[in-house]
Amino acid sequence: GFAPHTPLEEGVQRFAAWYQAWQIRRTRPEPPSG
């Protein structure tokens, strides 16, 4: 009964939101020790 249901616009929006958050996360400086 497989039936994909995610429209391209919706899928791309979810992907883009994650990617931008991931870019911020990976470039955020590490907190000082302690």
PDB file of all heavy atoms in Angstrom:
ATOM      1  N   GLY A   1       0.801  -1.218   0.000  1.00  0.00           N
ATOM      2  CA  GLY A   1       0.000   0.000   0.000  1.00  0.00           C
ATOM      3  C   GLY A   1       0.828   1.259   0.000  1.00  0.00           C
ATOM      4  O   GLY A   1       0.390   2.309   0.482  1.00  0.00           O
ATOM      5  N   PHE A   2       2.050   1.184  -0.562  1.00  0.00           N
ATOM      6  CA  PHE A   2       2.956   2.336  -0.566  1.00  0.00           C
ATOM      7  C   PHE A   2       2.406   3.460  -1.430  1.00  0.00           C
ATOM      8  O   PHE A   2       2.018   3.242  -2.574  1.00  0.00           O
ATOM      9  CB  PHE A   2       4.329   1.915  -1.094  1.00  0.00           C
ATOM     10  CG  PHE A   2       5.293   3.061  -1.281  1.00  0.00           C
ATOM     11  CD1 PHE A   2       5.915   3.651  -0.193  1.00  0.00           C
ATOM     12  CD2 PHE A   2       5.575   3.556  -2.550  1.00  0.00           C
ATOM     13  CE1 PHE A   2       6.808   4.705  -0.357  1.00  0.00           C
ATOM     14  CE2 PHE A   2       6.459   4.602  -2.729  1.00  0.00           C
ATOM     15  CZ  PHE A   2       7.081   5.181  -1.631  1.00  0.00           C
ATOM     16  N   ALA A   3       2.367   4.674  -0.871  1.00  0.00           N
ATOM     17  CA  ALA A   3       1.910   5.840  -1.620  1.00  0.00           C
ATOM     18  C   ALA A   3       2.593   7.084  -1.067  1.00  0.00           C
ATOM     19  O   ALA A   3       2.181   7.616  -0.033  1.00  0.00           O
ATOM     20  CB  ALA A   3       0.393   5.985  -1.528  1.00  0.00           C
ATOM     21  N   PRO A   4       3.674   7.554  -1.710  1.00  0.00           N
ATOM     22  CA  PRO A   4       4.335   8.779  -1.234  1.00  0.00           C
ATOM     23  C   PRO A   4       3.365   9.949  -1.278  1.00  0.00           C
ATOM     24  O   PRO A   4       2.520  10.040  -2.172  1.00  0.00           O
ATOM     25  CB  PRO A   4       5.493   8.965  -2.214  1.00  0.00           C
ATOM     26  CG  PRO A   4       5.101   8.201  -3.434  1.00  0.00           C
ATOM     27  CD  PRO A   4       4.272   7.051  -2.958  1.00  0.00           C
ATOM     28  N   HIS A   5       3.468  10.846  -0.297  1.00  0.00           N
ATOM     29  CA  HIS A   5       2.475  11.914  -0.208  1.00  0.00           C
ATOM     30  C   HIS A   5       3.079  13.295   0.043  1.00  0.00           C
ATOM     31  O   HIS A   5       2.336  14.253   0.224  1.00  0.00           O
ATOM     32  CB  HIS A   5       1.478  11.598   0.913  1.00  0.00           C
ATOM     33  CG  HIS A   5       2.104  11.553   2.283  1.00  0.00           C
ATOM     34  ND1 HIS A   5       2.652  10.402   2.809  1.00  0.00           N
ATOM     35  CD2 HIS A   5       2.294  12.515   3.218  1.00  0.00           C
ATOM     36  CE1 HIS A   5       3.137  10.665   4.008  1.00  0.00           C
ATOM     37  NE2 HIS A   5       2.937  11.942   4.284  1.00  0.00           N
ATOM     38  N   THR A   6       4.409  13.416   0.053  1.00  0.00           N
ATOM     39  CA  THR A   6       5.021  14.705   0.360  1.00  0.00           C
ATOM     40  C   THR A   6       5.265  15.500  -0.924  1.00  0.00           C
ATOM     41  O   THR A   6       6.100  15.109  -1.748  1.00  0.00           O
ATOM     42  CB  THR A   6       6.360  14.516   1.097  1.00  0.00           C
ATOM     43  OG1 THR A   6       6.163  13.676   2.234  1.00  0.00           O
ATOM     44  CG2 THR A   6       6.918  15.861   1.541  1.00  0.00           C
ATOM     45  N   PRO A   7       4.568  16.629  -1.134  1.00  0.00           N
ATOM     46  CA  PRO A   7       4.795  17.439  -2.330  1.00  0.00           C
ATOM     47  C   PRO A   7       6.209  18.011  -2.337  1.00  0.00           C
ATOM     48  O   PRO A   7       6.819  18.218  -1.270  1.00  0.00           O
ATOM     49  CB  PRO A   7       3.755  18.567  -2.209  1.00  0.00           C
ATOM     50  CG  PRO A   7       2.766  18.090  -1.195  1.00  0.00           C
ATOM     51  CD  PRO A   7       3.518  17.191  -0.271  1.00  0.00           C
ATOM     52  N   LEU A   8       6.734  18.282  -3.514  1.00  0.00           N
ATOM     53  CA  LEU A   8       8.099  18.787  -3.641  1.00  0.00           C
ATOM     54  C   LEU A   8       8.292  20.084  -2.854  1.00  0.00           C
ATOM     55  O   LEU A   8       9.297  20.228  -2.138  1.00  0.00           O
ATOM     56  CB  LEU A   8       8.444  19.015  -5.117  1.00  0.00           C
ATOM     57  CG  LEU A   8       9.878  19.490  -5.376  1.00  0.00           C
ATOM     58  CD1 LEU A   8      10.869  18.388  -5.056  1.00  0.00           C
ATOM     59  CD2 LEU A   8      10.034  19.962  -6.828  1.00  0.00           C
ATOM     60  N   GLU A   9       7.368  21.014  -2.968  1.00  0.00           N
ATOM     61  CA  GLU A   9       7.509  22.293  -2.264  1.00  0.00           C
ATOM     62  C   GLU A   9       7.657  22.079  -0.758  1.00  0.00           C
ATOM     63  O   GLU A   9       8.511  22.686  -0.107  1.00  0.00           O
ATOM     64  CB  GLU A   9       6.295  23.190  -2.546  1.00  0.00           C
ATOM     65  CG  GLU A   9       6.183  23.707  -3.970  1.00  0.00           C
ATOM     66  CD  GLU A   9       6.977  24.995  -4.168  1.00  0.00           C
ATOM     67  OE1 GLU A   9       7.538  25.505  -3.180  1.00  0.00           O
ATOM     68  OE2 GLU A   9       7.020  25.472  -5.319  1.00  0.00           O
ATOM     69  N   GLU A  10       6.830  21.205  -0.203  1.00  0.00           N
ATOM     70  CA  GLU A  10       6.869  20.942   1.238  1.00  0.00           C
ATOM     71  C   GLU A  10       8.172  20.259   1.624  1.00  0.00           C
ATOM     72  O   GLU A  10       8.810  20.610   2.621  1.00  0.00           O
ATOM     73  CB  GLU A  10       5.681  20.074   1.636  1.00  0.00           C
ATOM     74  CG  GLU A  10       5.615  19.763   3.123  1.00  0.00           C
ATOM     75  CD  GLU A  10       4.407  18.918   3.474  1.00  0.00           C
ATOM     76  OE1 GLU A  10       3.427  18.905   2.695  1.00  0.00           O
ATOM     77  OE2 GLU A  10       4.446  18.257   4.534  1.00  0.00           O
ATOM     78  N   GLY A  11       8.586  19.274   0.831  1.00  0.00           N
ATOM     79  CA  GLY A  11       9.816  18.572   1.130  1.00  0.00           C
ATOM     80  C   GLY A  11      11.037  19.472   1.070  1.00  0.00           C
ATOM     81  O   GLY A  11      11.923  19.411   1.932  1.00  0.00           O
ATOM     82  N   VAL A  12      11.072  20.349   0.059  1.00  0.00           N
ATOM     83  CA  VAL A  12      12.201  21.267  -0.077  1.00  0.00           C
ATOM     84  C   VAL A  12      12.213  22.269   1.070  1.00  0.00           C
ATOM     85  O   VAL A  12      13.284  22.622   1.589  1.00  0.00           O
ATOM     86  CB  VAL A  12      12.150  21.977  -1.447  1.00  0.00           C
ATOM     87  CG1 VAL A  12      13.162  23.115  -1.509  1.00  0.00           C
ATOM     88  CG2 VAL A  12      12.435  20.983  -2.569  1.00  0.00           C
ATOM     89  N   GLN A  13      11.052  22.731   1.506  1.00  0.00           N
ATOM     90  CA  GLN A  13      11.001  23.655   2.634  1.00  0.00           C
ATOM     91  C   GLN A  13      11.554  23.016   3.901  1.00  0.00           C
ATOM     92  O   GLN A  13      12.330  23.629   4.641  1.00  0.00           O
ATOM     93  CB  GLN A  13       9.560  24.116   2.859  1.00  0.00           C
ATOM     94  CG  GLN A  13       9.050  25.089   1.803  1.00  0.00           C
ATOM     95  CD  GLN A  13       7.579  25.399   1.966  1.00  0.00           C
ATOM     96  OE1 GLN A  13       6.937  24.944   2.913  1.00  0.00           O
ATOM     97  NE2 GLN A  13       7.019  26.154   1.026  1.00  0.00           N
ATOM     98  N   ARG A  14      11.188  21.757   4.153  1.00  0.00           N
ATOM     99  CA  ARG A  14      11.695  21.064   5.343  1.00  0.00           C
ATOM    100  C   ARG A  14      13.202  20.861   5.236  1.00  0.00           C
ATOM    101  O   ARG A  14      13.930  21.027   6.222  1.00  0.00           O
ATOM    102  CB  ARG A  14      10.992  19.713   5.498  1.00  0.00           C
ATOM    103  CG  ARG A  14       9.514  19.790   5.816  1.00  0.00           C
ATOM    104  CD  ARG A  14       8.950  18.389   5.935  1.00  0.00           C
ATOM    105  NE  ARG A  14       7.496  18.382   6.061  1.00  0.00           N
ATOM    106  CZ  ARG A  14       6.769  17.268   6.056  1.00  0.00           C
ATOM    107  NH1 ARG A  14       7.359  16.088   5.951  1.00  0.00           N
ATOM    108  NH2 ARG A  14       5.447  17.331   6.163  1.00  0.00           N
ATOM    109  N   PHE A  15      13.651  20.481   4.053  1.00  0.00           N
ATOM    110  CA  PHE A  15      15.087  20.287   3.857  1.00  0.00           C
ATOM    111  C   PHE A  15      15.842  21.592   4.080  1.00  0.00           C
ATOM    112  O   PHE A  15      16.862  21.631   4.780  1.00  0.00           O
ATOM    113  CB  PHE A  15      15.369  19.761   2.449  1.00  0.00           C
ATOM    114  CG  PHE A  15      16.786  20.002   2.017  1.00  0.00           C
ATOM    115  CD1 PHE A  15      17.832  19.251   2.546  1.00  0.00           C
ATOM    116  CD2 PHE A  15      17.084  21.005   1.095  1.00  0.00           C
ATOM    117  CE1 PHE A  15      19.147  19.500   2.171  1.00  0.00           C
ATOM    118  CE2 PHE A  15      18.391  21.247   0.711  1.00  0.00           C
ATOM    119  CZ  PHE A  15      19.431  20.494   1.256  1.00  0.00           C
ATOM    120  N   ALA A  16      15.358  22.684   3.476  1.00  0.00           N
ATOM    121  CA  ALA A  16      16.049  23.970   3.571  1.00  0.00           C
ATOM    122  C   ALA A  16      16.095  24.469   5.015  1.00  0.00           C
ATOM    123  O   ALA A  16      17.113  25.018   5.462  1.00  0.00           O
ATOM    124  CB  ALA A  16      15.377  24.994   2.669  1.00  0.00           C
ATOM    125  N   ALA A  17      15.000  24.272   5.755  1.00  0.00           N
ATOM    126  CA  ALA A  17      14.981  24.699   7.159  1.00  0.00           C
ATOM    127  C   ALA A  17      16.027  23.939   7.961  1.00  0.00           C
ATOM    128  O   ALA A  17      16.752  24.531   8.782  1.00  0.00           O
ATOM    129  CB  ALA A  17      13.587  24.484   7.749  1.00  0.00           C
ATOM    130  N   TRP A  18      16.113  22.623   7.738  1.00  0.00           N
ATOM    131  CA  TRP A  18      17.135  21.846   8.431  1.00  0.00           C
ATOM    132  C   TRP A  18      18.530  22.297   8.026  1.00  0.00           C
ATOM    133  O   TRP A  18      19.399  22.488   8.881  1.00  0.00           O
ATOM    134  CB  TRP A  18      17.005  20.345   8.130  1.00  0.00           C
ATOM    135  CG  TRP A  18      18.260  19.628   8.547  1.00  0.00           C
ATOM    136  CD1 TRP A  18      18.589  19.248   9.816  1.00  0.00           C
ATOM    137  CD2 TRP A  18      19.388  19.300   7.716  1.00  0.00           C
ATOM    138  NE1 TRP A  18      19.853  18.673   9.823  1.00  0.00           N
ATOM    139  CE2 TRP A  18      20.357  18.699   8.554  1.00  0.00           C
ATOM    140  CE3 TRP A  18      19.647  19.433   6.352  1.00  0.00           C
ATOM    141  CZ2 TRP A  18      21.584  18.238   8.059  1.00  0.00           C
ATOM    142  CZ3 TRP A  18      20.866  18.986   5.863  1.00  0.00           C
ATOM    143  CH2 TRP A  18      21.818  18.399   6.706  1.00  0.00           C
ATOM    144  N   TYR A  19      18.760  22.496   6.730  1.00  0.00           N
ATOM    145  CA  TYR A  19      20.107  22.813   6.262  1.00  0.00           C
ATOM    146  C   TYR A  19      20.595  24.133   6.860  1.00  0.00           C
ATOM    147  O   TYR A  19      21.746  24.233   7.309  1.00  0.00           O
ATOM    148  CB  TYR A  19      20.156  22.889   4.741  1.00  0.00           C
ATOM    149  CG  TYR A  19      21.547  23.195   4.241  1.00  0.00           C
ATOM    150  CD1 TYR A  19      22.532  22.203   4.228  1.00  0.00           C
ATOM    151  CD2 TYR A  19      21.897  24.479   3.843  1.00  0.00           C
ATOM    152  CE1 TYR A  19      23.819  22.485   3.822  1.00  0.00           C
ATOM    153  CE2 TYR A  19      23.185  24.769   3.434  1.00  0.00           C
ATOM    154  CZ  TYR A  19      24.141  23.768   3.420  1.00  0.00           C
ATOM    155  OH  TYR A  19      25.421  24.062   3.032  1.00  0.00           O
ATOM    156  N   GLN A  20      19.735  25.140   6.884  1.00  0.00           N
ATOM    157  CA  GLN A  20      20.153  26.421   7.435  1.00  0.00           C
ATOM    158  C   GLN A  20      20.436  26.310   8.935  1.00  0.00           C
ATOM    159  O   GLN A  20      21.402  26.899   9.435  1.00  0.00           O
ATOM    160  CB  GLN A  20      19.082  27.472   7.144  1.00  0.00           C
ATOM    161  CG  GLN A  20      19.013  27.839   5.653  1.00  0.00           C
ATOM    162  CD  GLN A  20      17.840  28.731   5.316  1.00  0.00           C
ATOM    163  OE1 GLN A  20      16.682  28.360   5.502  1.00  0.00           O
ATOM    164  NE2 GLN A  20      18.130  29.927   4.830  1.00  0.00           N
ATOM    165  N   ALA A  21      19.617  25.528   9.654  1.00  0.00           N
ATOM    166  CA  ALA A  21      19.871  25.323  11.081  1.00  0.00           C
ATOM    167  C   ALA A  21      21.169  24.536  11.294  1.00  0.00           C
ATOM    168  O   ALA A  21      21.930  24.828  12.226  1.00  0.00           O
ATOM    169  CB  ALA A  21      18.693  24.580  11.711  1.00  0.00           C
ATOM    170  N   TRP A  22      21.429  23.576  10.422  1.00  0.00           N
ATOM    171  CA  TRP A  22      22.655  22.782  10.538  1.00  0.00           C
ATOM    172  C   TRP A  22      23.883  23.633  10.282  1.00  0.00           C
ATOM    173  O   TRP A  22      24.892  23.497  10.971  1.00  0.00           O
ATOM    174  CB  TRP A  22      22.601  21.608   9.567  1.00  0.00           C
ATOM    175  CG  TRP A  22      23.917  20.900   9.370  1.00  0.00           C
ATOM    176  CD1 TRP A  22      24.695  20.870   8.250  1.00  0.00           C
ATOM    177  CD2 TRP A  22      24.617  20.108  10.336  1.00  0.00           C
ATOM    178  NE1 TRP A  22      25.823  20.118   8.448  1.00  0.00           N
ATOM    179  CE2 TRP A  22      25.813  19.639   9.721  1.00  0.00           C
ATOM    180  CE3 TRP A  22      24.368  19.756  11.656  1.00  0.00           C
ATOM    181  CZ2 TRP A  22      26.729  18.836  10.389  1.00  0.00           C
ATOM    182  CZ3 TRP A  22      25.282  18.945  12.327  1.00  0.00           C
ATOM    183  CH2 TRP A  22      26.443  18.501  11.700  1.00  0.00           C
ATOM    184  N   GLN A  23      23.806  24.543   9.324  1.00  0.00           N
ATOM    185  CA  GLN A  23      24.935  25.423   9.043  1.00  0.00           C
ATOM    186  C   GLN A  23      25.258  26.307  10.246  1.00  0.00           C
ATOM    187  O   GLN A  23      26.425  26.533  10.573  1.00  0.00           O
ATOM    188  CB  GLN A  23      24.638  26.291   7.812  1.00  0.00           C
ATOM    189  CG  GLN A  23      24.663  25.525   6.502  1.00  0.00           C
ATOM    190  CD  GLN A  23      26.036  24.929   6.222  1.00  0.00           C
ATOM    191  OE1 GLN A  23      26.273  23.750   6.448  1.00  0.00           O
ATOM    192  NE2 GLN A  23      26.955  25.738   5.744  1.00  0.00           N
ATOM    193  N   ILE A  24      24.219  26.804  10.900  1.00  0.00           N
ATOM    194  CA  ILE A  24      24.428  27.614  12.103  1.00  0.00           C
ATOM    195  C   ILE A  24      25.044  26.765  13.206  1.00  0.00           C
ATOM    196  O   ILE A  24      25.994  27.173  13.882  1.00  0.00           O
ATOM    197  CB  ILE A  24      23.087  28.226  12.579  1.00  0.00           C
ATOM    198  CG1 ILE A  24      22.577  29.234  11.535  1.00  0.00           C
ATOM    199  CG2 ILE A  24      23.245  28.880  13.945  1.00  0.00           C
ATOM    200  CD1 ILE A  24      21.176  29.728  11.804  1.00  0.00           C
ATOM    201  N   ARG A  25      24.533  25.574  13.370  1.00  0.00           N
ATOM    202  CA  ARG A  25      25.013  24.670  14.431  1.00  0.00           C
ATOM    203  C   ARG A  25      26.475  24.295  14.229  1.00  0.00           C
ATOM    204  O   ARG A  25      27.260  24.306  15.181  1.00  0.00           O
ATOM    205  CB  ARG A  25      24.139  23.417  14.446  1.00  0.00           C
ATOM    206  CG  ARG A  25      24.605  22.308  15.373  1.00  0.00           C
ATOM    207  CD  ARG A  25      23.620  21.163  15.341  1.00  0.00           C
ATOM    208  NE  ARG A  25      24.119  19.974  16.002  1.00  0.00           N
ATOM    209  CZ  ARG A  25      23.447  18.843  16.094  1.00  0.00           C
ATOM    210  NH1 ARG A  25      22.229  18.767  15.581  1.00  0.00           N
ATOM    211  NH2 ARG A  25      23.968  17.788  16.707  1.00  0.00           N
ATOM    212  N   ARG A  26      26.853  23.970  12.994  1.00  0.00           N
ATOM    213  CA  ARG A  26      28.217  23.482  12.754  1.00  0.00           C
ATOM    214  C   ARG A  26      29.256  24.595  12.776  1.00  0.00           C
ATOM    215  O   ARG A  26      30.437  24.322  12.914  1.00  0.00           O
ATOM    216  CB  ARG A  26      28.284  22.725  11.429  1.00  0.00           C
ATOM    217  CG  ARG A  26      28.088  23.571  10.198  1.00  0.00           C
ATOM    218  CD  ARG A  26      27.969  22.714   8.954  1.00  0.00           C
ATOM    219  NE  ARG A  26      29.209  22.020   8.681  1.00  0.00           N
ATOM    220  CZ  ARG A  26      30.173  22.483   7.887  1.00  0.00           C
ATOM    221  NH1 ARG A  26      30.015  23.661   7.307  1.00  0.00           N
ATOM    222  NH2 ARG A  26      31.241  21.791   7.661  1.00  0.00           N
ATOM    223  N   THR A  27      28.821  25.859  12.609  1.00  0.00           N
ATOM    224  CA  THR A  27      29.778  26.979  12.639  1.00  0.00           C
ATOM    225  C   THR A  27      29.777  27.708  13.970  1.00  0.00           C
ATOM    226  O   THR A  27      30.564  28.619  14.167  1.00  0.00           O
ATOM    227  CB  THR A  27      29.442  27.989  11.526  1.00  0.00           C
ATOM    228  OG1 THR A  27      28.092  28.449  11.671  1.00  0.00           O
ATOM    229  CG2 THR A  27      29.612  27.349  10.159  1.00  0.00           C
ATOM    230  N   ARG A  28      28.894  27.294  14.894  1.00  0.00           N
ATOM    231  CA  ARG A  28      28.826  27.942  16.199  1.00  0.00           C
ATOM    232  C   ARG A  28      30.073  27.584  16.992  1.00  0.00           C
ATOM    233  O   ARG A  28      30.435  26.413  17.074  1.00  0.00           O
ATOM    234  CB  ARG A  28      27.580  27.487  16.958  1.00  0.00           C
ATOM    235  CG  ARG A  28      27.380  28.152  18.316  1.00  0.00           C
ATOM    236  CD  ARG A  28      26.135  27.602  18.991  1.00  0.00           C
ATOM    237  NE  ARG A  28      24.959  27.925  18.211  1.00  0.00           N
ATOM    238  CZ  ARG A  28      23.949  27.068  17.985  1.00  0.00           C
ATOM    239  NH1 ARG A  28      24.019  25.843  18.456  1.00  0.00           N
ATOM    240  NH2 ARG A  28      22.902  27.446  17.294  1.00  0.00           N
ATOM    241  N   PRO A  29      30.761  28.549  17.562  1.00  0.00           N
ATOM    242  CA  PRO A  29      31.972  28.239  18.321  1.00  0.00           C
ATOM    243  C   PRO A  29      31.679  27.413  19.558  1.00  0.00           C
ATOM    244  O   PRO A  29      30.602  27.519  20.150  1.00  0.00           O
ATOM    245  CB  PRO A  29      32.529  29.630  18.693  1.00  0.00           C
ATOM    246  CG  PRO A  29      31.361  30.544  18.596  1.00  0.00           C
ATOM    247  CD  PRO A  29      30.478  30.006  17.509  1.00  0.00           C
ATOM    248  N   GLU A  30      32.614  26.559  19.911  1.00  0.00           N
ATOM    249  CA  GLU A  30      32.476  25.744  21.109  1.00  0.00           C
ATOM    250  C   GLU A  30      32.494  26.645  22.344  1.00  0.00           C
ATOM    251  O   GLU A  30      33.240  27.619  22.420  1.00  0.00           O
ATOM    252  CB  GLU A  30      33.616  24.737  21.192  1.00  0.00           C
ATOM    253  CG  GLU A  30      33.572  23.659  20.120  1.00  0.00           C
ATOM    254  CD  GLU A  30      32.424  22.701  20.316  1.00  0.00           C
ATOM    255  OE1 GLU A  30      32.006  22.503  21.470  1.00  0.00           O
ATOM    256  OE2 GLU A  30      31.928  22.188  19.294  1.00  0.00           O
ATOM    257  N   PRO A  31      31.670  26.319  23.362  1.00  0.00           N
ATOM    258  CA  PRO A  31      31.682  27.126  24.591  1.00  0.00           C
ATOM    259  C   PRO A  31      33.022  26.965  25.311  1.00  0.00           C
ATOM    260  O   PRO A  31      33.679  25.939  25.179  1.00  0.00           O
ATOM    261  CB  PRO A  31      30.525  26.535  25.408  1.00  0.00           C
ATOM    262  CG  PRO A  31      30.342  25.142  24.873  1.00  0.00           C
ATOM    263  CD  PRO A  31      30.701  25.224  23.413  1.00  0.00           C
ATOM    264  N   PRO A  32      33.439  27.988  26.046  1.00  0.00           N
ATOM    265  CA  PRO A  32      34.706  27.885  26.797  1.00  0.00           C
ATOM    266  C   PRO A  32      34.690  26.693  27.753  1.00  0.00           C
ATOM    267  O   PRO A  32      33.641  26.311  28.259  1.00  0.00           O
ATOM    268  CB  PRO A  32      34.786  29.210  27.556  1.00  0.00           C
ATOM    269  CG  PRO A  32      33.852  30.131  26.825  1.00  0.00           C
ATOM    270  CD  PRO A  32      32.770  29.273  26.249  1.00  0.00           C
ATOM    271  N   SER A  33      35.837  26.117  27.967  1.00  0.00           N
ATOM    272  CA  SER A  33      35.956  24.980  28.867  1.00  0.00           C
ATOM    273  C   SER A  33      35.486  25.348  30.262  1.00  0.00           C
ATOM    274  O   SER A  33      35.820  26.412  30.785  1.00  0.00           O
ATOM    275  CB  SER A  33      37.414  24.517  28.927  1.00  0.00           C
ATOM    276  OG  SER A  33      37.549  23.450  29.833  1.00  0.00           O
ATOM    277  N   GLY A  34      34.631  24.479  30.814  1.00  0.00           N
ATOM    278  CA  GLY A  34      34.143  24.711  32.170  1.00  0.00           C
ATOM    279  C   GLY A  34      32.878  25.524  32.225  1.00  0.00           C
ATOM    280  O   GLY A  34      32.314  25.703  33.301  1.00  0.00           O
TER     281      GLY A  34
END
